[in-house]
């Protein structure tokens, strides 16, 4: 590659807009799995990373026979052993049109301060809700903090819909409960999606 080509690439990359994204929600709602799945499905992993992911999924994974995409984010030994996120993990990737920095934040109540750290620079928040549990206290706590920090754009991802047979009624009930709570807060732009991060449904490609 010529120096001119390299410079053209760097100039084009510099012109891309940067979107900082936060994932929030309660413990085990699937935040790390969602980001891992995004990286996996968008083909942003190297061969050695894929090999390590497959090996670690068999050794310390929490997804049964499936690949444990959360392992791409849970780097601390304690996180991998417990299957939880403790610290904030940042991942970067880009498309032809945009650059992204995603902050994977902990869901446990005792690590809420770390979640606030991750949220402090975010432009958009993805709030995950476990379809089996619905809107719970930690969901509301994180939503309140997101509003307090001035994040105006929120995506509510109702995750693990595969475990509820992709029920439209389940999805609608959860969305309505969340809307009733969020109406009290200053979050003007909220969008709702049913997903399965583990199965990849509605993550990168739309599902019918």
N, C-alpha and C. Protein backbone atom coordinates (compact mmCIF):
# COMPACT_ATOMS: atom_id res chain seq x y z
N UNK A 1 0.85 -1.20 0.00
CA UNK A 1 0.00 0.00 0.00
C UNK A 1 0.88 1.25 0.00
N UNK A 2 0.60 2.18 -0.87
CA UNK A 2 1.37 3.41 -0.96
C UNK A 2 1.02 4.35 0.19
N UNK A 3 1.99 5.26 0.50
CA UNK A 3 1.75 6.22 1.57
C UNK A 3 0.51 7.07 1.30
N UNK A 4 0.29 7.38 0.03
CA UNK A 4 -0.88 8.16 -0.34
C UNK A 4 -2.16 7.42 0.02
N UNK A 5 -2.16 6.11 -0.22
CA UNK A 5 -3.34 5.31 0.10
C UNK A 5 -3.59 5.28 1.60
N UNK A 6 -2.52 5.16 2.37
CA UNK A 6 -2.64 5.15 3.83
C UNK A 6 -3.22 6.48 4.31
N UNK A 7 -2.70 7.58 3.77
CA UNK A 7 -3.18 8.89 4.18
C UNK A 7 -4.64 9.08 3.83
N UNK A 8 -5.03 8.60 2.65
CA UNK A 8 -6.44 8.69 2.25
C UNK A 8 -7.33 7.92 3.21
N UNK A 9 -6.85 6.74 3.62
CA UNK A 9 -7.62 5.94 4.57
C UNK A 9 -7.77 6.66 5.90
N UNK A 10 -6.67 7.24 6.39
CA UNK A 10 -6.70 7.94 7.67
C UNK A 10 -7.59 9.18 7.60
N UNK A 11 -7.54 9.88 6.48
CA UNK A 11 -8.39 11.06 6.32
C UNK A 11 -9.87 10.68 6.32
N UNK A 12 -10.19 9.60 5.59
CA UNK A 12 -11.58 9.14 5.53
C UNK A 12 -12.07 8.68 6.89
N UNK A 13 -11.19 7.98 7.63
CA UNK A 13 -11.55 7.50 8.96
C UNK A 13 -11.78 8.66 9.92
N UNK A 14 -10.98 9.71 9.77
CA UNK A 14 -11.10 10.87 10.64
C UNK A 14 -12.44 11.58 10.44
N UNK A 15 -12.98 11.50 9.22
CA UNK A 15 -14.23 12.19 8.91
C UNK A 15 -15.47 11.44 9.41
N UNK A 16 -15.30 10.19 9.80
CA UNK A 16 -16.44 9.41 10.30
C UNK A 16 -16.90 9.96 11.64
N UNK A 17 -18.20 9.99 11.84
CA UNK A 17 -18.72 10.39 13.14
C UNK A 17 -18.52 9.30 14.18
N UNK A 18 -18.31 9.70 15.42
CA UNK A 18 -18.11 8.75 16.52
C UNK A 18 -19.35 8.70 17.40
N UNK A 19 -19.87 7.50 17.60
CA UNK A 19 -21.02 7.30 18.48
C UNK A 19 -20.59 6.50 19.69
N UNK A 20 -20.79 7.07 20.87
CA UNK A 20 -20.45 6.38 22.12
C UNK A 20 -21.72 5.76 22.70
N UNK A 21 -21.68 4.44 22.87
CA UNK A 21 -22.86 3.69 23.29
C UNK A 21 -22.61 3.06 24.65
N UNK A 22 -23.63 3.09 25.48
CA UNK A 22 -23.60 2.45 26.79
C UNK A 22 -24.59 1.29 26.80
N UNK A 23 -24.21 0.16 27.39
CA UNK A 23 -25.19 -0.89 27.67
C UNK A 23 -25.49 -0.87 29.16
N UNK A 24 -26.77 -0.96 29.50
CA UNK A 24 -27.20 -0.90 30.89
C UNK A 24 -28.29 -1.93 31.13
N UNK A 25 -28.62 -2.13 32.40
CA UNK A 25 -29.62 -3.12 32.77
C UNK A 25 -29.12 -3.97 33.92
N UNK A 26 -29.97 -4.84 34.40
CA UNK A 26 -29.65 -5.64 35.57
C UNK A 26 -28.67 -6.76 35.23
N UNK A 27 -28.15 -7.38 36.27
CA UNK A 27 -27.21 -8.48 36.10
C UNK A 27 -27.87 -9.62 35.34
N UNK A 28 -27.13 -10.21 34.42
CA UNK A 28 -27.57 -11.36 33.64
C UNK A 28 -28.68 -11.04 32.64
N UNK A 29 -28.84 -9.76 32.32
CA UNK A 29 -29.81 -9.40 31.28
C UNK A 29 -29.23 -9.57 29.88
N UNK A 30 -27.89 -9.76 29.79
CA UNK A 30 -27.27 -10.08 28.51
C UNK A 30 -26.48 -8.96 27.86
N UNK A 31 -25.99 -8.00 28.67
CA UNK A 31 -25.26 -6.86 28.11
C UNK A 31 -23.97 -7.29 27.42
N UNK A 32 -23.15 -8.06 28.11
CA UNK A 32 -21.88 -8.51 27.53
C UNK A 32 -22.12 -9.41 26.33
N UNK A 33 -23.13 -10.26 26.42
CA UNK A 33 -23.45 -11.16 25.31
C UNK A 33 -23.87 -10.37 24.08
N UNK A 34 -24.65 -9.31 24.27
CA UNK A 34 -25.08 -8.50 23.14
C UNK A 34 -23.90 -7.86 22.43
N UNK A 35 -22.99 -7.25 23.19
CA UNK A 35 -21.84 -6.60 22.56
C UNK A 35 -20.95 -7.64 21.88
N UNK A 36 -20.73 -8.76 22.55
CA UNK A 36 -19.95 -9.83 21.94
C UNK A 36 -20.57 -10.31 20.64
N UNK A 37 -21.89 -10.43 20.64
CA UNK A 37 -22.59 -10.86 19.43
C UNK A 37 -22.46 -9.81 18.32
N UNK A 38 -22.55 -8.54 18.67
CA UNK A 38 -22.38 -7.47 17.69
C UNK A 38 -21.00 -7.55 17.03
N UNK A 39 -19.97 -7.74 17.85
CA UNK A 39 -18.62 -7.85 17.32
C UNK A 39 -18.47 -9.09 16.44
N UNK A 40 -19.06 -10.19 16.88
CA UNK A 40 -18.98 -11.46 16.15
C UNK A 40 -19.70 -11.36 14.81
N UNK A 41 -20.94 -10.89 14.83
CA UNK A 41 -21.75 -10.85 13.61
C UNK A 41 -21.30 -9.77 12.63
N UNK A 42 -20.64 -8.73 13.13
CA UNK A 42 -20.16 -7.68 12.24
C UNK A 42 -18.77 -8.00 11.69
N UNK A 43 -18.29 -9.22 11.97
CA UNK A 43 -17.01 -9.72 11.43
C UNK A 43 -15.84 -8.84 11.85
N UNK A 44 -15.84 -8.41 13.12
CA UNK A 44 -14.79 -7.54 13.61
C UNK A 44 -13.79 -8.28 14.51
N UNK A 45 -13.78 -9.60 14.42
CA UNK A 45 -12.86 -10.40 15.24
C UNK A 45 -11.82 -11.07 14.36
N UNK A 46 -10.60 -11.19 14.89
CA UNK A 46 -9.54 -11.88 14.18
C UNK A 46 -9.65 -13.39 14.42
N UNK A 47 -8.97 -14.15 13.56
CA UNK A 47 -9.05 -15.61 13.66
C UNK A 47 -8.58 -16.12 15.02
N UNK A 48 -7.51 -15.50 15.57
CA UNK A 48 -7.01 -15.95 16.86
C UNK A 48 -8.00 -15.63 17.98
N UNK A 49 -8.73 -14.51 17.84
CA UNK A 49 -9.76 -14.18 18.83
C UNK A 49 -10.91 -15.19 18.78
N UNK A 50 -11.28 -15.59 17.57
CA UNK A 50 -12.35 -16.57 17.41
C UNK A 50 -11.95 -17.91 18.00
N UNK A 51 -10.69 -18.31 17.76
CA UNK A 51 -10.21 -19.58 18.29
C UNK A 51 -10.19 -19.55 19.82
N UNK A 52 -9.75 -18.43 20.39
CA UNK A 52 -9.72 -18.29 21.84
C UNK A 52 -11.14 -18.30 22.41
N UNK A 53 -12.06 -17.63 21.72
CA UNK A 53 -13.45 -17.57 22.17
C UNK A 53 -14.07 -18.97 22.20
N UNK A 54 -13.84 -19.74 21.16
CA UNK A 54 -14.40 -21.09 21.11
C UNK A 54 -13.80 -21.97 22.20
N UNK A 55 -12.49 -21.84 22.42
CA UNK A 55 -11.84 -22.64 23.46
C UNK A 55 -12.32 -22.25 24.85
N UNK A 56 -12.38 -20.94 25.12
CA UNK A 56 -12.81 -20.48 26.44
C UNK A 56 -14.28 -20.77 26.71
N UNK A 57 -15.09 -20.77 25.65
CA UNK A 57 -16.52 -21.08 25.81
C UNK A 57 -16.71 -22.49 26.35
N UNK A 58 -15.89 -23.41 25.87
CA UNK A 58 -15.96 -24.80 26.34
C UNK A 58 -15.41 -24.94 27.75
N UNK A 59 -14.40 -24.12 28.06
CA UNK A 59 -13.69 -24.27 29.33
C UNK A 59 -14.38 -23.54 30.48
N UNK A 60 -14.77 -22.28 30.27
CA UNK A 60 -15.33 -21.47 31.36
C UNK A 60 -16.63 -20.77 30.97
N UNK A 61 -17.21 -21.13 29.84
CA UNK A 61 -18.41 -20.45 29.36
C UNK A 61 -19.64 -20.77 30.18
N UNK A 62 -20.65 -19.91 30.06
CA UNK A 62 -21.92 -20.08 30.77
C UNK A 62 -23.10 -20.18 29.81
N UNK A 63 -22.82 -20.63 28.57
CA UNK A 63 -23.87 -20.68 27.55
C UNK A 63 -24.15 -22.09 27.07
N UNK A 64 -23.80 -23.07 27.89
CA UNK A 64 -24.05 -24.46 27.50
C UNK A 64 -23.21 -24.85 26.31
N UNK A 65 -23.84 -25.39 25.28
CA UNK A 65 -23.13 -25.81 24.08
C UNK A 65 -22.87 -24.65 23.13
N UNK A 66 -23.48 -23.50 23.39
CA UNK A 66 -23.31 -22.34 22.50
C UNK A 66 -22.03 -21.59 22.84
N UNK A 67 -21.60 -20.76 21.89
CA UNK A 67 -20.47 -19.87 22.14
C UNK A 67 -20.90 -18.82 23.16
N UNK A 68 -20.05 -18.58 24.15
CA UNK A 68 -20.35 -17.57 25.18
C UNK A 68 -19.74 -16.24 24.74
N UNK A 69 -20.52 -15.44 24.04
CA UNK A 69 -20.03 -14.18 23.49
C UNK A 69 -19.63 -13.19 24.57
N UNK A 70 -20.16 -13.34 25.77
CA UNK A 70 -19.82 -12.43 26.87
C UNK A 70 -18.35 -12.50 27.23
N UNK A 71 -17.69 -13.61 26.90
CA UNK A 71 -16.28 -13.76 27.24
C UNK A 71 -15.41 -12.77 26.48
N UNK A 72 -15.92 -12.21 25.39
CA UNK A 72 -15.17 -11.19 24.66
C UNK A 72 -15.05 -9.91 25.47
N UNK A 73 -15.94 -9.73 26.45
CA UNK A 73 -15.95 -8.52 27.28
C UNK A 73 -15.46 -8.77 28.69
N UNK A 74 -15.81 -9.92 29.27
CA UNK A 74 -15.48 -10.19 30.67
C UNK A 74 -14.03 -10.63 30.77
N UNK A 75 -13.14 -9.67 31.00
CA UNK A 75 -11.71 -9.95 30.97
C UNK A 75 -11.10 -10.29 32.31
N UNK A 76 -11.66 -9.79 33.41
CA UNK A 76 -11.09 -10.08 34.72
C UNK A 76 -11.33 -11.53 35.10
N UNK A 77 -10.41 -12.09 35.83
CA UNK A 77 -10.55 -13.49 36.26
C UNK A 77 -11.84 -13.69 37.06
N UNK A 78 -12.12 -12.75 37.98
CA UNK A 78 -13.34 -12.86 38.79
C UNK A 78 -14.59 -12.80 37.93
N UNK A 79 -14.54 -11.99 36.86
CA UNK A 79 -15.70 -11.88 35.98
C UNK A 79 -15.97 -13.19 35.27
N UNK A 80 -14.92 -13.81 34.79
CA UNK A 80 -15.09 -15.06 34.05
C UNK A 80 -15.54 -16.19 34.98
N UNK A 81 -15.01 -16.20 36.18
CA UNK A 81 -15.38 -17.26 37.11
C UNK A 81 -16.83 -17.12 37.56
N UNK A 82 -17.28 -15.87 37.77
CA UNK A 82 -18.63 -15.64 38.27
C UNK A 82 -19.65 -15.42 37.16
N UNK A 83 -19.16 -15.20 35.93
CA UNK A 83 -20.07 -14.94 34.83
C UNK A 83 -20.76 -13.60 34.92
N UNK A 84 -20.08 -12.61 35.50
CA UNK A 84 -20.65 -11.27 35.65
C UNK A 84 -19.64 -10.23 35.18
N UNK A 85 -20.11 -9.00 34.99
CA UNK A 85 -19.25 -7.87 34.68
C UNK A 85 -19.07 -7.04 35.95
N UNK A 86 -17.80 -6.72 36.26
CA UNK A 86 -17.49 -5.93 37.45
C UNK A 86 -17.02 -4.54 37.04
N UNK A 87 -16.04 -4.48 36.15
CA UNK A 87 -15.50 -3.21 35.68
C UNK A 87 -16.17 -2.83 34.36
N UNK A 88 -15.92 -1.61 33.90
CA UNK A 88 -16.44 -1.18 32.59
C UNK A 88 -15.47 -1.65 31.52
N UNK A 89 -15.99 -2.30 30.49
CA UNK A 89 -15.17 -2.75 29.37
C UNK A 89 -15.56 -1.96 28.13
N UNK A 90 -14.57 -1.40 27.45
CA UNK A 90 -14.82 -0.62 26.24
C UNK A 90 -14.37 -1.40 25.02
N UNK A 91 -15.19 -1.37 23.97
CA UNK A 91 -14.82 -2.01 22.71
C UNK A 91 -15.07 -1.02 21.58
N UNK A 92 -14.13 -1.02 20.63
CA UNK A 92 -14.20 -0.11 19.49
C UNK A 92 -14.39 -0.91 18.21
N UNK A 93 -15.26 -0.44 17.33
CA UNK A 93 -15.30 -0.97 15.98
C UNK A 93 -15.85 0.10 15.05
N UNK A 94 -15.69 -0.10 13.76
CA UNK A 94 -16.15 0.89 12.79
C UNK A 94 -16.76 0.21 11.58
N UNK A 95 -17.64 0.94 10.92
CA UNK A 95 -18.20 0.52 9.64
C UNK A 95 -17.71 1.51 8.59
N UNK A 96 -18.19 1.38 7.39
CA UNK A 96 -17.78 2.30 6.33
C UNK A 96 -18.25 3.73 6.61
N UNK A 97 -19.28 3.86 7.43
CA UNK A 97 -19.87 5.18 7.65
C UNK A 97 -19.64 5.76 9.04
N UNK A 98 -19.33 4.89 10.03
CA UNK A 98 -19.30 5.41 11.39
C UNK A 98 -18.35 4.63 12.28
N UNK A 99 -17.88 5.31 13.33
CA UNK A 99 -17.06 4.67 14.36
C UNK A 99 -17.88 4.54 15.64
N UNK A 100 -17.63 3.47 16.38
CA UNK A 100 -18.40 3.20 17.59
C UNK A 100 -17.47 2.85 18.75
N UNK A 101 -17.78 3.37 19.92
CA UNK A 101 -17.18 2.90 21.17
C UNK A 101 -18.32 2.45 22.07
N UNK A 102 -18.30 1.18 22.45
CA UNK A 102 -19.37 0.62 23.28
C UNK A 102 -18.83 0.34 24.68
N UNK A 103 -19.52 0.83 25.67
CA UNK A 103 -19.15 0.59 27.07
C UNK A 103 -20.06 -0.48 27.65
N UNK A 104 -19.46 -1.59 28.06
CA UNK A 104 -20.20 -2.66 28.72
C UNK A 104 -20.10 -2.44 30.23
N UNK A 105 -21.22 -2.17 30.87
CA UNK A 105 -21.19 -1.80 32.28
C UNK A 105 -21.81 -2.89 33.16
N UNK A 106 -21.42 -2.93 34.44
CA UNK A 106 -21.94 -3.98 35.32
C UNK A 106 -23.40 -3.77 35.69
N UNK A 107 -24.10 -4.88 35.94
CA UNK A 107 -25.51 -4.82 36.30
C UNK A 107 -25.77 -4.95 37.78
N UNK A 108 -24.78 -5.44 38.54
CA UNK A 108 -24.97 -5.60 39.98
C UNK A 108 -25.12 -4.24 40.67
N UNK A 109 -26.00 -4.18 41.64
CA UNK A 109 -26.26 -2.92 42.34
C UNK A 109 -25.00 -2.36 42.98
N UNK A 110 -24.13 -3.24 43.53
CA UNK A 110 -22.95 -2.75 44.23
C UNK A 110 -21.91 -2.15 43.29
N UNK A 111 -22.06 -2.37 41.98
CA UNK A 111 -21.13 -1.80 41.01
C UNK A 111 -21.78 -0.67 40.20
N UNK A 112 -22.83 -0.07 40.75
CA UNK A 112 -23.54 1.00 40.05
C UNK A 112 -22.63 2.18 39.75
N UNK A 113 -21.67 2.46 40.63
CA UNK A 113 -20.74 3.57 40.40
C UNK A 113 -19.96 3.35 39.11
N UNK A 114 -19.57 2.10 38.84
CA UNK A 114 -18.86 1.80 37.60
C UNK A 114 -19.76 2.03 36.39
N UNK A 115 -21.05 1.72 36.55
CA UNK A 115 -22.00 1.96 35.46
C UNK A 115 -22.08 3.45 35.15
N UNK A 116 -22.10 4.28 36.17
CA UNK A 116 -22.17 5.73 35.97
C UNK A 116 -20.92 6.22 35.23
N UNK A 117 -19.77 5.65 35.55
CA UNK A 117 -18.53 6.00 34.86
C UNK A 117 -18.65 5.73 33.37
N UNK A 118 -19.19 4.57 33.02
CA UNK A 118 -19.37 4.23 31.62
C UNK A 118 -20.38 5.10 30.92
N UNK A 119 -21.38 5.57 31.67
CA UNK A 119 -22.46 6.37 31.08
C UNK A 119 -22.07 7.82 30.89
N UNK A 120 -21.02 8.27 31.56
CA UNK A 120 -20.72 9.70 31.62
C UNK A 120 -20.37 10.30 30.26
N UNK A 121 -19.89 9.49 29.32
CA UNK A 121 -19.52 10.02 28.00
C UNK A 121 -20.41 9.49 26.88
N UNK A 122 -21.47 8.77 27.21
CA UNK A 122 -22.28 8.11 26.19
C UNK A 122 -23.25 9.07 25.50
N UNK A 123 -23.46 8.83 24.21
CA UNK A 123 -24.47 9.56 23.44
C UNK A 123 -25.79 8.81 23.37
N UNK A 124 -25.70 7.49 23.52
CA UNK A 124 -26.88 6.62 23.39
C UNK A 124 -26.75 5.47 24.37
N UNK A 125 -27.86 5.06 24.95
CA UNK A 125 -27.86 3.93 25.89
C UNK A 125 -28.74 2.81 25.35
N UNK A 126 -28.22 1.59 25.45
CA UNK A 126 -29.02 0.39 25.18
C UNK A 126 -29.34 -0.24 26.52
N UNK A 127 -30.61 -0.25 26.88
CA UNK A 127 -31.04 -0.85 28.14
C UNK A 127 -31.60 -2.24 27.85
N UNK A 128 -30.96 -3.24 28.41
CA UNK A 128 -31.43 -4.60 28.21
C UNK A 128 -32.39 -5.02 29.31
N UNK A 129 -33.42 -5.75 28.91
CA UNK A 129 -34.40 -6.28 29.85
C UNK A 129 -34.57 -7.76 29.56
N UNK A 130 -34.42 -8.59 30.57
CA UNK A 130 -34.63 -10.03 30.42
C UNK A 130 -36.13 -10.29 30.24
N UNK A 131 -36.49 -10.91 29.13
CA UNK A 131 -37.91 -11.14 28.82
C UNK A 131 -38.59 -12.02 29.86
N UNK A 132 -37.81 -12.81 30.61
CA UNK A 132 -38.40 -13.67 31.64
C UNK A 132 -38.71 -12.90 32.91
N UNK A 133 -38.00 -11.79 33.15
CA UNK A 133 -38.14 -11.04 34.40
C UNK A 133 -38.92 -9.74 34.23
N UNK A 134 -38.84 -9.16 33.05
CA UNK A 134 -39.50 -7.88 32.83
C UNK A 134 -38.75 -6.72 33.46
N UNK A 135 -39.44 -5.62 33.64
CA UNK A 135 -38.86 -4.41 34.22
C UNK A 135 -38.70 -4.59 35.72
N UNK A 136 -37.46 -4.55 36.20
CA UNK A 136 -37.20 -4.74 37.62
C UNK A 136 -36.52 -3.49 38.19
N UNK A 137 -36.22 -3.53 39.48
CA UNK A 137 -35.68 -2.35 40.17
C UNK A 137 -34.41 -1.82 39.52
N UNK A 138 -33.49 -2.71 39.18
CA UNK A 138 -32.22 -2.26 38.59
C UNK A 138 -32.43 -1.66 37.20
N UNK A 139 -33.42 -2.15 36.47
CA UNK A 139 -33.77 -1.55 35.19
C UNK A 139 -34.17 -0.09 35.40
N UNK A 140 -35.00 0.14 36.39
CA UNK A 140 -35.47 1.50 36.68
C UNK A 140 -34.32 2.36 37.21
N UNK A 141 -33.47 1.78 38.03
CA UNK A 141 -32.35 2.55 38.59
C UNK A 141 -31.43 3.03 37.47
N UNK A 142 -31.07 2.14 36.57
CA UNK A 142 -30.18 2.53 35.47
C UNK A 142 -30.85 3.54 34.55
N UNK A 143 -32.14 3.38 34.30
CA UNK A 143 -32.87 4.32 33.46
C UNK A 143 -32.88 5.71 34.09
N UNK A 144 -33.11 5.76 35.40
CA UNK A 144 -33.11 7.04 36.11
C UNK A 144 -31.74 7.71 36.01
N UNK A 145 -30.67 6.94 36.19
CA UNK A 145 -29.32 7.50 36.11
C UNK A 145 -29.00 7.99 34.71
N UNK A 146 -29.46 7.26 33.71
CA UNK A 146 -29.25 7.68 32.32
C UNK A 146 -29.93 9.02 32.06
N UNK A 147 -31.14 9.16 32.57
CA UNK A 147 -31.85 10.43 32.44
C UNK A 147 -31.12 11.54 33.18
N UNK A 148 -30.64 11.23 34.37
CA UNK A 148 -29.93 12.21 35.19
C UNK A 148 -28.66 12.71 34.50
N UNK A 149 -28.00 11.81 33.76
CA UNK A 149 -26.76 12.16 33.07
C UNK A 149 -27.01 12.85 31.73
N UNK A 150 -28.27 12.99 31.37
CA UNK A 150 -28.59 13.75 30.17
C UNK A 150 -28.52 13.00 28.86
N UNK A 151 -28.55 11.66 28.92
CA UNK A 151 -28.56 10.86 27.69
C UNK A 151 -29.98 10.87 27.13
N UNK A 152 -30.14 11.39 25.94
CA UNK A 152 -31.47 11.62 25.37
C UNK A 152 -31.95 10.49 24.45
N UNK A 153 -31.05 9.62 24.04
CA UNK A 153 -31.40 8.57 23.08
C UNK A 153 -31.22 7.20 23.72
N UNK A 154 -32.29 6.42 23.75
CA UNK A 154 -32.28 5.12 24.42
C UNK A 154 -32.89 4.06 23.51
N UNK A 155 -32.25 2.92 23.49
CA UNK A 155 -32.80 1.72 22.84
C UNK A 155 -33.10 0.71 23.94
N UNK A 156 -34.34 0.28 24.02
CA UNK A 156 -34.72 -0.77 24.97
C UNK A 156 -34.72 -2.09 24.22
N UNK A 157 -33.82 -2.98 24.61
CA UNK A 157 -33.70 -4.29 23.96
C UNK A 157 -34.25 -5.35 24.91
N UNK A 158 -35.42 -5.87 24.58
CA UNK A 158 -36.01 -6.94 25.38
C UNK A 158 -35.35 -8.24 24.95
N UNK A 159 -34.43 -8.72 25.78
CA UNK A 159 -33.55 -9.83 25.42
C UNK A 159 -34.11 -11.18 25.88
N UNK A 160 -33.52 -12.22 25.35
CA UNK A 160 -33.87 -13.62 25.68
C UNK A 160 -35.31 -13.93 25.27
N UNK A 161 -35.75 -13.31 24.19
CA UNK A 161 -37.09 -13.57 23.68
C UNK A 161 -37.25 -15.01 23.21
N UNK A 162 -36.13 -15.65 22.89
CA UNK A 162 -36.20 -17.07 22.49
C UNK A 162 -36.70 -17.94 23.64
N UNK A 163 -36.47 -17.50 24.88
CA UNK A 163 -36.92 -18.26 26.05
C UNK A 163 -38.39 -17.99 26.38
N UNK A 164 -38.98 -17.04 25.67
CA UNK A 164 -40.42 -16.76 25.81
C UNK A 164 -41.14 -16.99 24.49
N UNK A 165 -40.54 -17.83 23.65
CA UNK A 165 -41.13 -18.21 22.36
C UNK A 165 -41.46 -17.00 21.49
N UNK A 166 -40.67 -15.95 21.64
CA UNK A 166 -40.84 -14.73 20.85
C UNK A 166 -42.28 -14.20 20.91
N UNK A 167 -42.85 -14.26 22.10
CA UNK A 167 -44.24 -13.86 22.31
C UNK A 167 -44.42 -12.34 22.13
N UNK A 168 -45.30 -11.96 21.23
CA UNK A 168 -45.60 -10.54 21.02
C UNK A 168 -46.23 -9.94 22.27
N UNK A 169 -47.06 -10.72 22.96
CA UNK A 169 -47.73 -10.23 24.17
C UNK A 169 -46.72 -9.93 25.27
N UNK A 170 -45.75 -10.82 25.44
CA UNK A 170 -44.70 -10.60 26.44
C UNK A 170 -43.94 -9.32 26.12
N UNK A 171 -43.56 -9.17 24.87
CA UNK A 171 -42.83 -7.97 24.44
C UNK A 171 -43.64 -6.71 24.68
N UNK A 172 -44.90 -6.72 24.28
CA UNK A 172 -45.76 -5.54 24.44
C UNK A 172 -45.96 -5.17 25.91
N UNK A 173 -46.15 -6.17 26.75
CA UNK A 173 -46.37 -5.91 28.18
C UNK A 173 -45.14 -5.25 28.81
N UNK A 174 -43.96 -5.76 28.46
CA UNK A 174 -42.72 -5.19 29.00
C UNK A 174 -42.52 -3.76 28.51
N UNK A 175 -42.76 -3.54 27.23
CA UNK A 175 -42.61 -2.20 26.66
C UNK A 175 -43.57 -1.21 27.32
N UNK A 176 -44.80 -1.62 27.53
CA UNK A 176 -45.78 -0.73 28.15
C UNK A 176 -45.40 -0.37 29.58
N UNK A 177 -44.91 -1.36 30.32
CA UNK A 177 -44.48 -1.08 31.70
C UNK A 177 -43.31 -0.12 31.72
N UNK A 178 -42.36 -0.33 30.80
CA UNK A 178 -41.20 0.56 30.74
C UNK A 178 -41.62 1.97 30.33
N UNK A 179 -42.52 2.07 29.35
CA UNK A 179 -42.99 3.38 28.90
C UNK A 179 -43.64 4.16 30.04
N UNK A 180 -44.42 3.48 30.86
CA UNK A 180 -45.08 4.14 31.98
C UNK A 180 -44.07 4.72 32.96
N UNK A 181 -42.97 3.99 33.18
CA UNK A 181 -41.94 4.49 34.08
C UNK A 181 -41.15 5.62 33.43
N UNK A 182 -40.72 5.42 32.18
CA UNK A 182 -39.87 6.40 31.50
C UNK A 182 -40.59 7.72 31.23
N UNK A 183 -41.92 7.68 31.21
CA UNK A 183 -42.69 8.91 30.95
C UNK A 183 -42.45 9.96 32.03
N UNK A 184 -42.00 9.53 33.20
CA UNK A 184 -41.74 10.45 34.30
C UNK A 184 -40.36 11.11 34.18
N UNK A 185 -39.55 10.66 33.22
CA UNK A 185 -38.17 11.10 33.10
C UNK A 185 -37.96 11.90 31.82
N UNK A 186 -36.80 12.52 31.72
CA UNK A 186 -36.48 13.34 30.55
C UNK A 186 -35.67 12.51 29.55
N UNK A 187 -36.36 11.59 28.88
CA UNK A 187 -35.73 10.80 27.81
C UNK A 187 -36.65 10.89 26.59
N UNK A 188 -36.39 11.82 25.69
CA UNK A 188 -37.34 12.09 24.61
C UNK A 188 -37.34 11.06 23.48
N UNK A 189 -36.27 10.30 23.34
CA UNK A 189 -36.14 9.41 22.17
C UNK A 189 -35.89 7.97 22.63
N UNK A 190 -36.93 7.14 22.61
CA UNK A 190 -36.82 5.74 23.05
C UNK A 190 -37.36 4.82 21.96
N UNK A 191 -36.60 3.78 21.66
CA UNK A 191 -37.02 2.78 20.67
C UNK A 191 -36.95 1.39 21.30
N UNK A 192 -37.82 0.50 20.86
CA UNK A 192 -37.97 -0.82 21.49
C UNK A 192 -37.75 -1.93 20.46
N UNK A 193 -36.98 -2.96 20.87
CA UNK A 193 -36.70 -4.09 19.98
C UNK A 193 -36.73 -5.40 20.75
N UNK A 194 -37.37 -6.43 20.20
CA UNK A 194 -37.27 -7.78 20.78
C UNK A 194 -36.04 -8.47 20.20
N UNK A 195 -35.18 -9.02 21.05
CA UNK A 195 -33.95 -9.64 20.55
C UNK A 195 -33.64 -10.93 21.30
N UNK A 196 -32.72 -11.69 20.73
CA UNK A 196 -32.04 -12.76 21.44
C UNK A 196 -30.56 -12.59 21.14
N UNK A 197 -29.82 -12.03 22.09
CA UNK A 197 -28.39 -11.78 21.87
C UNK A 197 -27.63 -13.09 21.65
N UNK A 198 -27.98 -14.11 22.40
CA UNK A 198 -27.29 -15.40 22.28
C UNK A 198 -27.52 -16.02 20.91
N UNK A 199 -28.75 -15.98 20.43
CA UNK A 199 -29.08 -16.58 19.14
C UNK A 199 -28.84 -15.64 17.97
N UNK A 200 -28.63 -14.36 18.25
CA UNK A 200 -28.38 -13.40 17.19
C UNK A 200 -29.63 -12.83 16.55
N UNK A 201 -30.80 -13.10 17.12
CA UNK A 201 -32.06 -12.64 16.53
C UNK A 201 -32.25 -11.14 16.73
N UNK A 202 -32.40 -10.40 15.62
CA UNK A 202 -32.65 -8.96 15.64
C UNK A 202 -31.47 -8.16 16.18
N UNK A 203 -30.27 -8.70 16.08
CA UNK A 203 -29.09 -7.99 16.58
C UNK A 203 -28.41 -7.23 15.44
N UNK A 204 -27.86 -7.95 14.49
CA UNK A 204 -27.28 -7.32 13.30
C UNK A 204 -28.25 -7.38 12.14
N UNK A 205 -28.88 -8.54 11.97
CA UNK A 205 -29.87 -8.71 10.90
C UNK A 205 -31.28 -8.75 11.50
N UNK A 206 -32.23 -8.16 10.78
CA UNK A 206 -33.61 -8.16 11.24
C UNK A 206 -34.19 -9.57 11.21
N UNK A 207 -35.03 -9.88 12.20
CA UNK A 207 -35.70 -11.17 12.26
C UNK A 207 -37.18 -10.97 12.01
N UNK A 208 -37.79 -11.92 11.35
CA UNK A 208 -39.23 -11.83 11.09
C UNK A 208 -40.00 -12.55 12.17
